[in-house]
Protein backbone atom coordinates (compact mmCIF):
# COMPACT_ATOMS: atom_id res chain seq x y z
CA UNK A 1 -22.07 9.44 15.60
CA UNK A 2 -20.53 6.23 16.67
CA UNK A 3 -21.92 4.46 19.64
CA UNK A 4 -19.50 4.61 22.63
CA UNK A 5 -20.44 0.99 23.46
CA UNK A 6 -19.63 -0.13 19.73
CA UNK A 7 -16.40 -2.34 19.50
CA UNK A 8 -13.20 -0.66 19.51
CA UNK A 9 -10.58 -1.58 16.78
CA UNK A 10 -7.07 -0.56 16.76
CA UNK A 11 -4.91 -0.58 13.86
CA UNK A 12 -1.08 -0.61 14.47
CA UNK A 13 0.78 0.70 11.58
CA UNK A 14 4.26 2.43 11.35
CA UNK A 15 2.74 5.39 9.28
CA UNK A 16 -0.35 7.26 8.30
CA UNK A 17 -1.15 8.87 5.04
CA UNK A 18 -0.02 12.19 6.05
CA UNK A 19 3.43 10.96 6.72
CA UNK A 20 6.17 12.11 4.00
CA UNK A 21 6.89 8.58 3.15
CA UNK A 22 3.15 7.21 3.23
CA UNK A 23 2.08 5.33 0.39
CA UNK A 24 -0.55 2.89 -0.95
CA UNK A 25 -0.30 0.58 2.17
CA UNK A 26 -1.29 3.55 4.33
CA UNK A 27 -4.18 4.36 1.82
CA UNK A 28 -5.49 0.94 2.29
CA UNK A 29 -5.40 0.86 5.91
CA UNK A 30 -7.11 4.33 6.41
CA UNK A 31 -9.73 3.43 3.69
CA UNK A 32 -10.35 -0.03 5.68
CA UNK A 33 -10.59 2.12 8.78
CA UNK A 34 -13.03 4.39 7.18
CA UNK A 35 -15.31 1.68 5.92
CA UNK A 36 -15.51 0.08 9.46
CA UNK A 37 -16.51 3.42 11.06
CA UNK A 38 -19.51 3.63 8.51
CA UNK A 39 -20.52 -0.06 9.98
CA UNK A 40 -20.67 1.27 13.47
CA UNK A 41 -17.17 0.40 14.76
CA UNK A 42 -15.02 2.79 16.97
CA UNK A 43 -11.51 2.81 15.08
CA UNK A 44 -8.12 4.08 16.14
CA UNK A 45 -4.88 4.24 13.89
CA UNK A 46 -1.72 4.06 16.18
CA UNK A 47 1.22 5.19 13.99
CA UNK A 48 4.51 6.99 14.33
CA UNK A 49 4.96 10.72 15.07
CA UNK A 50 6.15 12.94 12.34
CA UNK A 51 6.59 16.53 11.50
CA UNK A 52 3.99 18.96 12.88
CA UNK A 53 1.19 16.43 12.46
CA UNK A 54 -0.81 16.66 15.88
CA UNK A 55 -0.23 13.86 18.49
CA UNK A 56 -4.06 13.07 18.45
CA UNK A 57 -6.80 13.79 16.07
CA UNK A 58 -10.04 12.74 14.86
CA UNK A 59 -10.48 12.75 11.05
CA UNK A 60 -13.89 13.67 9.40
CA UNK A 61 -14.53 10.16 8.52
CA UNK A 62 -14.62 9.31 12.33
CA UNK A 63 -11.26 7.40 12.44
CA UNK A 64 -8.99 8.58 15.36
CA UNK A 65 -5.31 8.67 15.00
CA UNK A 66 -2.66 8.50 17.80
CA UNK A 67 0.96 9.22 16.87
CA UNK A 68 3.57 8.04 19.22
CA UNK A 69 7.64 7.18 18.70
CA UNK A 70 9.55 7.27 15.62
CA UNK A 71 10.57 4.87 12.66
CA UNK A 72 11.87 2.28 15.07
CA UNK A 73 10.35 3.11 18.41
CA UNK A 74 6.87 3.04 17.23
CA UNK A 75 6.65 -0.52 17.86
CA UNK A 76 7.63 -0.25 21.60
CA UNK A 77 5.38 2.63 22.12
CA UNK A 78 2.35 0.52 20.77
CA UNK A 79 3.17 -2.00 23.44
CA UNK A 80 3.41 0.46 26.28
CA UNK A 81 0.42 2.34 25.11
CA UNK A 82 -1.65 -0.97 25.00
CA UNK A 83 -0.44 -2.12 28.44
CA UNK A 84 -1.36 1.21 29.93
CA UNK A 85 -4.65 1.06 28.33
CA UNK A 86 -4.69 4.30 26.28
CA UNK A 87 -4.50 3.10 22.65
CA UNK A 88 -7.61 4.90 21.75
CA UNK A 89 -9.24 8.00 22.43
CA UNK A 90 -12.48 9.94 21.39
CA UNK A 91 -14.44 13.02 22.06
CA UNK A 92 -16.32 11.28 24.88
CA UNK A 93 -13.12 10.63 27.02
CA UNK A 94 -9.87 12.49 27.55
CA UNK A 95 -7.98 9.25 28.68
CA UNK A 96 -9.26 7.20 25.93
CA UNK A 97 -11.27 4.19 25.29
CA UNK A 98 -8.99 1.80 27.29
CA UNK A 99 -7.74 -1.48 25.59
CA UNK A 100 -9.29 -2.44 22.26
CA UNK A 101 -11.72 -5.11 21.45
CA UNK A 102 -9.50 -6.17 18.48
CA UNK A 103 -6.11 -5.47 16.95
CA UNK A 104 -5.13 -5.15 13.33
CA UNK A 105 -1.48 -5.58 13.46
CA UNK A 106 0.01 -4.39 10.26
CA UNK A 107 3.21 -6.00 9.31
CA UNK A 108 5.50 -3.94 6.85
CA UNK A 109 8.48 -6.21 7.27
CA UNK A 110 8.81 -5.68 10.98
CA UNK A 111 5.64 -6.61 12.98
CA UNK A 112 4.32 -5.04 16.21
CA UNK A 113 4.15 -8.67 17.79
CA UNK A 114 0.99 -7.53 19.51
CA UNK A 115 0.06 -11.39 20.26
CA UNK A 116 2.86 -11.19 22.79
CA UNK A 117 1.30 -8.72 25.06
CA UNK A 118 -2.30 -8.58 24.08
CA UNK A 119 -5.04 -11.09 24.83
CA UNK A 120 -7.46 -9.42 22.28
CA UNK A 121 -8.12 -10.85 18.86
CA UNK A 122 -5.43 -10.09 16.39
CA UNK A 123 -5.82 -9.85 12.65
CA UNK A 124 -2.36 -10.03 10.97
CA UNK A 125 -2.47 -7.60 7.78
CA UNK A 126 0.49 -8.16 5.27
CA UNK A 127 0.70 -6.29 2.11
CA UNK A 128 3.43 -8.38 0.67
CA UNK A 129 6.60 -10.37 1.73
CA UNK A 130 9.83 -8.32 1.83
CA UNK A 131 12.51 -10.88 0.91
CA UNK A 132 13.81 -8.83 -1.97
CA UNK A 133 13.56 -5.42 -0.26
CA UNK A 134 15.79 -6.09 2.83
CA UNK A 135 18.94 -5.86 1.01
CA UNK A 136 18.05 -2.77 -1.00
CA UNK A 137 17.17 -0.79 2.14
CA UNK A 138 19.53 -2.24 4.85
CA UNK A 139 23.15 -3.48 4.89
CA UNK A 140 23.80 -7.13 4.86
CA UNK A 141 23.56 -7.79 8.50
CA UNK A 142 20.45 -6.02 9.08
CA UNK A 143 19.06 -7.51 6.11
CA UNK A 144 19.59 -10.92 7.66
CA UNK A 145 18.16 -9.95 10.96
CA UNK A 146 15.10 -8.26 9.24
CA UNK A 147 14.43 -11.25 7.08
CA UNK A 148 14.53 -13.59 9.91
CA UNK A 149 11.99 -11.60 11.97
CA UNK A 150 9.55 -11.38 9.06
CA UNK A 151 10.07 -15.17 7.68
CA UNK A 152 10.65 -16.95 10.93
CA UNK A 153 9.74 -14.91 14.25
CA UNK A 154 6.65 -13.44 13.02
CA UNK A 155 5.33 -16.52 11.39
CA UNK A 156 5.60 -18.28 14.83
CA UNK A 157 4.16 -15.29 16.81
CA UNK A 158 1.09 -14.92 14.64
CA UNK A 159 0.65 -18.87 13.79
CA UNK A 160 -2.64 -18.98 15.27
CA UNK A 161 -4.08 -15.61 14.01
CA UNK A 162 -6.23 -14.64 11.04
CA UNK A 163 -4.17 -13.15 8.20
CA UNK A 164 -5.49 -10.61 5.67
CA UNK A 165 -3.38 -9.79 2.71
CA UNK A 166 -4.33 -7.98 -0.64
CA UNK A 167 -3.64 -10.23 -3.47
CA UNK A 168 -3.38 -14.03 -4.46
CA UNK A 169 0.43 -13.62 -5.04
CA UNK A 170 0.96 -12.25 -1.74
CA UNK A 171 -1.29 -15.05 -0.22
CA UNK A 172 0.93 -17.68 -2.02
CA UNK A 173 4.19 -16.11 -0.58
CA UNK A 174 2.86 -16.24 2.93
CA UNK A 175 1.98 -19.74 2.36
CA UNK A 176 5.63 -20.40 1.37
CA UNK A 177 6.79 -19.03 4.62
CA UNK A 178 4.56 -21.51 6.43
CA UNK A 179 1.64 -19.61 7.19
CA UNK A 180 -1.51 -21.93 7.15
CA UNK A 181 -3.61 -21.16 3.94
CA UNK A 182 -6.80 -21.66 5.68
CA UNK A 183 -5.91 -18.55 7.96
CA UNK A 184 -5.51 -16.29 5.02
CA UNK A 185 -8.19 -13.98 3.52
CA UNK A 186 -7.52 -11.90 0.49
CA UNK A 187 -9.18 -8.51 0.57
CA UNK A 188 -8.07 -6.48 -2.41
CA UNK A 189 -7.52 -2.64 -2.80
CA UNK A 190 -10.12 -0.68 -4.04
CA UNK A 191 -9.84 1.75 -6.82
CA UNK A 192 -10.30 5.49 -6.36
CA UNK A 193 -13.22 7.00 -8.19
CA UNK A 194 -12.36 8.80 -11.14
CA UNK A 195 -12.99 12.49 -10.21
CA UNK A 196 -13.59 15.14 -12.87
CA UNK A 197 -14.06 15.17 -16.76
CA UNK A 198 -11.65 13.14 -18.76
CA UNK A 199 -8.81 15.22 -20.00
CA UNK A 200 -7.00 14.54 -23.47
CA UNK A 201 -4.08 12.71 -23.90
CA UNK A 202 -0.71 14.50 -24.43
CA UNK A 203 0.14 15.24 -28.27
CA UNK A 204 3.58 13.90 -27.46
CA UNK A 205 4.45 10.47 -26.05
CA UNK A 206 4.15 10.73 -22.12
CA UNK A 207 5.13 8.29 -19.46
CA UNK A 208 4.15 8.40 -15.71
CA UNK A 209 5.49 7.05 -12.64
CA UNK A 210 3.38 7.52 -9.69
CA UNK A 211 4.43 6.82 -6.11
CA UNK A 212 6.94 7.29 -3.31
CA UNK A 213 10.40 8.14 -4.33
CA UNK A 214 12.58 5.34 -2.46
CA UNK A 215 15.28 2.88 -3.82
CA UNK A 216 13.03 -0.27 -4.21
CA UNK A 217 10.53 1.51 -6.47
CA UNK A 218 13.52 1.27 -9.04
CA UNK A 219 12.46 4.66 -10.86
CA UNK A 220 16.07 4.58 -12.30
CA UNK A 221 14.72 2.09 -14.76
CA UNK A 222 12.00 4.38 -15.97
CA UNK A 223 14.78 7.22 -16.35
CA UNK A 224 17.07 4.82 -18.43
CA UNK A 225 14.07 3.75 -20.66
CA UNK A 226 13.39 7.55 -21.22
CA UNK A 227 17.08 8.13 -22.27
CA UNK A 228 17.08 5.22 -24.62
CA UNK A 229 13.91 6.13 -26.30
CA UNK A 230 14.45 9.77 -26.75
CA UNK A 231 16.52 9.67 -29.96
CA UNK A 232 13.51 7.99 -31.61
CA UNK A 233 10.70 9.71 -29.97
CA UNK A 234 11.99 13.43 -29.79
CA UNK A 235 9.00 14.71 -27.80
CA UNK A 236 9.14 11.91 -25.03
CA UNK A 237 8.36 13.05 -21.60
CA UNK A 238 8.61 11.23 -18.18
CA UNK A 239 6.58 12.56 -15.22
CA UNK A 240 7.64 11.38 -11.81
CA UNK A 241 4.88 12.25 -9.33
CA UNK A 242 5.67 11.63 -5.68
CA UNK A 243 7.76 12.47 -3.05
CA UNK A 244 10.43 10.92 -1.06
CA UNK A 245 14.09 10.99 0.36
CA UNK A 246 15.40 9.18 -2.72
CA UNK A 247 14.53 12.37 -5.19
CA UNK A 248 18.01 13.95 -5.28
CA UNK A 249 19.78 10.93 -6.54
CA UNK A 250 17.13 10.47 -9.24
CA UNK A 251 17.63 14.09 -10.31
CA UNK A 252 21.22 13.67 -10.36
CA UNK A 253 21.01 10.52 -12.76
CA UNK A 254 18.47 12.35 -15.02
CA UNK A 255 21.20 14.91 -15.29
CA UNK A 256 23.78 12.22 -15.91
CA UNK A 257 21.66 10.58 -18.55
CA UNK A 258 21.31 14.10 -20.32
CA UNK A 259 17.31 13.86 -20.06
CA UNK A 260 16.89 16.78 -17.36
CA UNK A 261 14.60 18.58 -20.14
CA UNK A 262 12.53 15.44 -20.58
CA UNK A 263 11.93 14.46 -16.94
CA UNK A 264 9.51 16.46 -14.74
CA UNK A 265 9.53 15.83 -10.95
CA UNK A 266 6.29 17.12 -9.61
CA UNK A 267 6.57 16.29 -6.01
CA UNK A 268 3.33 15.67 -4.07
CA UNK A 269 0.31 15.95 -6.22
CA UNK A 270 -3.34 16.96 -5.50
CA UNK A 271 -6.14 14.65 -6.28
CA UNK A 272 -6.89 17.05 -9.16
CA UNK A 273 -3.45 17.11 -10.67
CA UNK A 274 -3.29 13.30 -10.39
CA UNK A 275 -6.45 12.89 -12.36
CA UNK A 276 -4.95 15.14 -15.01
CA UNK A 277 -1.67 13.31 -15.22
CA UNK A 278 -3.30 9.86 -15.41
CA UNK A 279 -5.70 10.96 -18.18
CA UNK A 280 -2.79 12.56 -20.22
CA UNK A 281 -0.24 9.81 -19.93
CA UNK A 282 0.16 7.31 -22.59
CA UNK A 283 1.32 4.66 -20.37
CA UNK A 284 1.91 4.27 -16.42
CA UNK A 285 5.09 2.52 -15.50
CA UNK A 286 5.82 0.45 -12.37
CA UNK A 287 9.50 -0.63 -12.24
CA UNK A 288 9.06 -1.41 -8.65
CA UNK A 289 10.90 -4.46 -7.08
CA UNK A 290 8.06 -5.33 -4.90
CA UNK A 291 4.17 -4.43 -4.44
CA UNK A 292 1.40 -6.00 -2.56
CA UNK A 293 -0.95 -5.04 -5.28
CA UNK A 294 -0.26 -2.14 -7.39
CA UNK A 295 -2.66 0.51 -6.59
CA UNK A 296 -1.40 3.15 -8.95
CA UNK A 297 -1.43 0.65 -11.90
CA UNK A 298 -5.01 -0.11 -11.28
CA UNK A 299 -5.80 3.61 -10.66
CA UNK A 300 -4.25 4.30 -14.04
CA UNK A 301 -6.29 1.78 -15.45
CA UNK A 302 -9.37 3.44 -14.33
CA UNK A 303 -8.49 6.43 -16.54
CA UNK A 304 -7.96 4.09 -19.58
CA UNK A 305 -4.16 4.29 -19.26
CA UNK A 306 -2.43 0.90 -19.37
CA UNK A 307 0.48 -0.23 -17.24
CA UNK A 308 4.03 -1.60 -17.73
CA UNK A 309 5.42 -3.60 -14.65
CA UNK A 310 7.61 -6.64 -13.56
CA UNK A 311 6.05 -10.13 -13.49
CA UNK A 312 8.31 -10.84 -10.49
CA UNK A 313 7.06 -7.71 -8.42
CA UNK A 314 4.44 -9.54 -6.14
CA UNK A 315 0.81 -8.51 -6.34
CA UNK A 316 1.65 -6.44 -9.44
CA UNK A 317 1.04 -9.60 -11.34
CA UNK A 318 -2.67 -9.56 -10.29
CA UNK A 319 -3.13 -5.83 -10.78
CA UNK A 320 -2.38 -6.29 -14.34
CA UNK A 321 -3.90 -8.80 -16.75
CA UNK A 322 -0.90 -9.51 -19.01
CA UNK A 323 -1.44 -8.58 -22.50
CA UNK A 324 -4.85 -7.35 -22.02
CA UNK A 325 -4.83 -4.43 -19.39
CA UNK A 326 -1.01 -3.80 -19.59
CA UNK A 327 2.20 -5.72 -19.81
CA UNK A 328 4.34 -7.77 -17.39
CA UNK A 329 7.99 -8.03 -18.19
CA UNK A 330 10.82 -10.17 -16.97
CA UNK A 331 14.16 -7.94 -17.18
CA UNK A 332 15.27 -4.49 -17.85
CA UNK A 333 15.70 -5.29 -21.67
CA UNK A 334 12.39 -6.55 -21.63
CA UNK A 335 10.93 -3.18 -19.91
CA UNK A 336 12.33 -1.18 -22.55
CA UNK A 337 10.97 -3.26 -25.41
CA UNK A 338 7.48 -3.19 -24.07
CA UNK A 339 7.39 0.47 -23.28
CA UNK A 340 8.82 1.05 -26.82
CA UNK A 341 6.37 -1.34 -28.50
CA UNK A 342 3.31 0.38 -26.85
CA UNK A 343 4.28 3.92 -27.37
CA UNK A 344 4.54 3.11 -31.06
CA UNK A 345 1.23 1.24 -31.25
CA UNK A 346 -1.93 3.65 -30.69
CA UNK A 347 -4.34 0.88 -31.40
CA UNK A 348 -2.90 -1.54 -29.10
CA UNK A 349 -2.76 0.96 -26.26
CA UNK A 350 -6.22 1.92 -26.86
CA UNK A 351 -7.40 -1.59 -26.74
CA UNK A 352 -5.62 -1.98 -23.39
CA UNK A 353 -6.84 1.20 -21.99
CA UNK A 354 -10.44 0.02 -22.57
CA UNK A 355 -9.75 -3.15 -21.04
CA UNK A 356 -8.06 -1.64 -18.07
CA UNK A 357 -10.79 0.63 -17.24
CA UNK A 358 -13.21 -2.39 -17.27
CA UNK A 359 -10.85 -4.38 -15.06
CA UNK A 360 -10.47 -1.42 -12.43
CA UNK A 361 -14.28 -1.13 -11.90
CA UNK A 362 -14.41 -4.68 -10.15
CA UNK A 363 -12.16 -3.24 -7.35
CA UNK A 364 -14.17 -0.72 -5.08
CA UNK A 365 -13.52 0.41 -1.58
CA UNK A 366 -17.09 -0.39 -0.51
CA UNK A 367 -16.54 -4.16 -1.65
CA UNK A 368 -13.26 -4.24 0.23
CA UNK A 369 -14.67 -2.85 3.28
CA UNK A 370 -17.63 -5.06 3.31
CA UNK A 371 -15.02 -8.05 3.16
CA UNK A 372 -12.61 -6.65 5.80
CA UNK A 373 -15.56 -6.03 8.10
CA UNK A 374 -16.66 -9.66 7.75
CA UNK A 375 -13.32 -10.82 8.76
CA UNK A 376 -13.61 -8.45 11.84
CA UNK A 377 -16.92 -9.75 12.72
CA UNK A 378 -15.76 -13.38 12.61
CA UNK A 379 -12.61 -12.68 14.88
CA UNK A 380 -14.81 -10.69 17.39
CA UNK A 381 -17.10 -13.76 17.62
CA UNK A 382 -14.02 -16.12 17.80
CA UNK A 383 -12.55 -14.01 20.65
CA UNK A 384 -15.63 -13.95 22.62
CA UNK A 385 -16.21 -17.66 22.48
CA UNK A 386 -12.57 -18.92 22.49
CA UNK A 387 -12.84 -20.53 19.01
CA UNK A 388 -9.36 -21.20 16.95
CA UNK A 389 -7.87 -18.22 15.25
CA UNK A 390 -8.37 -15.48 17.82
CA UNK A 391 -7.37 -15.25 21.50
CA UNK A 392 -10.27 -15.37 23.94
CA UNK A 393 -11.19 -12.20 25.69
CA UNK A 394 -9.72 -11.97 29.20
CA UNK A 395 -11.98 -11.93 32.19
CA UNK A 396 -12.33 -8.84 34.40
């Protein structure tokens, strides 16, 4: 049981892993939170409410979750909850732990701007910069406003705060926005352990896209590749594993391309089913416009499945060692050629699969948790002494 007097940490994030649109960034946050509880911290995740998820719960790993507000109002609700002193809660108190000792402010495009209302130490967690994604998700006006908030306002608000990001590429993008490189630490994603015995590869060529079904994941490119390669690879199948509000347009495109019988939409998959898919697939595809890291690419690599992704997609360029654990491409034509080349070259695929497995073993959640805990400890010390990089703890 966590000591009731241990430092209390709060993660502010718009979603949790149970949210229908939760993805790799939510996995990272909750894994870091769980690692911190094993080191004696009390940890609360504050995120938006959704569906039938309870307003408050404590997970088996000791992480407490508080859900308030919606997609846009969660930011305001976090500020109100902080000022009311009820961001956290636990079995020892009905009202909560009071204001936290440290805030991890997760900036998924829109930041919580916690330094404006909190005098606690703040760690700014950024998975990647959203420059390319704003126009895909929003119209011209909202895109300009969102990009100004992310690239100008947030950089100013958090200018004296410690940053954590998940890849060297994301670190370089933050520096380009004006963030002091000395204030940025890279803490990689871990790789989920391979569970269960290995399953054999499928007899026929098989492609896998694993992730949320949203426009900026560009799953359309995987559908087009499947359509173009089908005449020369009659048994080719594409599995699209995941859920999201963009599923209907993707199904419509598959029908328009005449490949409904070659594309399988699985919806949400259990860990057991995901393990089987990763083992059986010949290649893992990530046509995404932007990723902070590329968790599913490395997860596929842990199963000996090489990946194909875009060089320009942020941290994916770090998740794949180009030419060794997979292939990085520059445009859609290059994407098609790379997939075709690897599907027709079993020896090359096998070599990449072995290298991908070895590469994935470098990234563990325990090591990432240790690195993140070191940043937390540093900021708690700085907050107590008034050192640069953290707000001093207020008196009284």
